[in-house]
Protein backbone atom coordinates (compact mmCIF):
# COMPACT_ATOMS: atom_id res chain seq x y z
CA MET A 1 -0.18 -7.92 -3.55
CA ALA A 2 -2.86 -9.57 -5.62
CA ASP A 3 -4.74 -11.13 -2.97
CA ILE A 4 -5.56 -7.38 -1.87
CA SER A 5 -8.95 -7.76 -1.64
CA SER A 6 -9.43 -10.34 0.31
CA LYS A 7 -7.91 -8.88 3.06
CA SER A 8 -9.54 -7.12 6.08
CA ILE A 9 -9.61 -3.71 6.71
CA GLU A 10 -6.97 -3.80 9.72
CA VAL A 11 -4.88 -5.85 8.03
CA LEU A 12 -4.56 -3.44 4.94
CA LYS A 13 -4.05 -0.61 7.74
CA GLN A 14 -1.41 -2.91 9.54
CA GLU A 15 0.42 -3.64 6.15
CA LEU A 16 0.13 -0.39 5.05
CA THR A 17 2.00 0.97 8.41
CA THR A 18 4.76 -1.39 7.79
CA LEU A 19 5.36 -0.89 4.04
CA ARG A 20 5.48 3.15 5.21
CA GLU A 21 7.60 2.11 7.90
CA SER A 22 10.34 -0.13 5.19
CA LEU A 23 9.81 3.33 2.94
CA ARG A 24 10.77 5.66 5.90
CA SER A 25 14.03 3.18 6.31
CA PHE A 26 14.97 2.67 3.23
CA ARG A 27 15.55 6.33 2.36
CA PHE A 28 16.89 7.66 5.36
CA GLY A 29 18.84 4.07 6.26
CA GLY A 30 21.68 3.88 3.57
CA ALA A 31 21.69 7.77 2.65
CA GLY A 32 25.84 7.69 2.64
CA SER A 33 25.83 4.12 0.55
CA ARG A 34 25.71 4.54 -3.26
CA ALA A 35 25.37 0.72 -3.94
CA ARG A 36 21.84 0.08 -3.42
CA ASN A 37 18.35 -0.78 -5.05
CA VAL A 38 16.77 2.42 -6.07
CA ARG A 39 14.00 0.53 -8.02
CA GLN A 40 13.05 -0.66 -4.46
CA GLY A 41 11.64 2.67 -2.86
CA SER A 42 9.26 3.22 -6.26
CA THR A 43 8.23 -0.75 -5.71
CA ILE A 44 7.17 0.42 -1.91
CA ARG A 45 5.63 3.39 -2.94
CA LYS A 46 3.43 1.68 -5.51
CA GLU A 47 2.17 -0.84 -2.64
CA ILE A 48 2.05 1.76 -0.38
CA ALA A 49 -0.71 3.24 -3.45
CA ARG A 50 -2.70 -0.23 -3.49
CA VAL A 51 -3.09 -0.28 0.05
CA LEU A 52 -4.30 3.20 -0.02
CA THR A 53 -6.74 2.55 -3.23
CA GLU A 54 -8.33 -0.30 -2.09
CA LEU A 55 -9.10 1.55 1.76
CA ARG A 56 -10.78 4.32 0.00
CA LYS A 57 -12.88 1.99 -2.75
CA ARG A 58 -14.62 -0.05 0.75
CA THR A 59 -14.92 3.60 2.49
CA LEU A 60 -16.90 4.56 -0.48
CA THR A 61 -18.77 1.82 -1.08
CA ALA A 62 -18.88 1.25 2.72
CA ALA A 63 -20.80 5.20 2.32
CA GLY A 64 -23.38 4.06 -0.39
CA ILE A 65 -21.16 6.44 -2.83
CA ALA A 66 -19.38 4.25 -5.26
CA LYS A 67 -20.85 1.25 -6.10
CA PRO A 68 -19.34 -2.24 -5.44
CA GLU A 69 -17.19 -3.39 -8.21
CA LYS A 70 -18.35 -5.87 -10.68
CA THR A 71 -16.58 -9.54 -10.19
CA ALA A 72 -16.28 -11.51 -13.96
């Protein structure tokens, strides 16, 4: 996910859809199962937040509301 800023908006939206579907299958897929990696749900939610943050940043930058981030 380190290269999230280099991806296009369409790719980010596709990735967001994929991540949301994987979170949905994680939540409902193993409903009766006790042995599963609980941390995976948290990781998926954090990845979704990263993608949404990048999309929001680009939207605000394109609208001229936010300044583009400086790169070192």
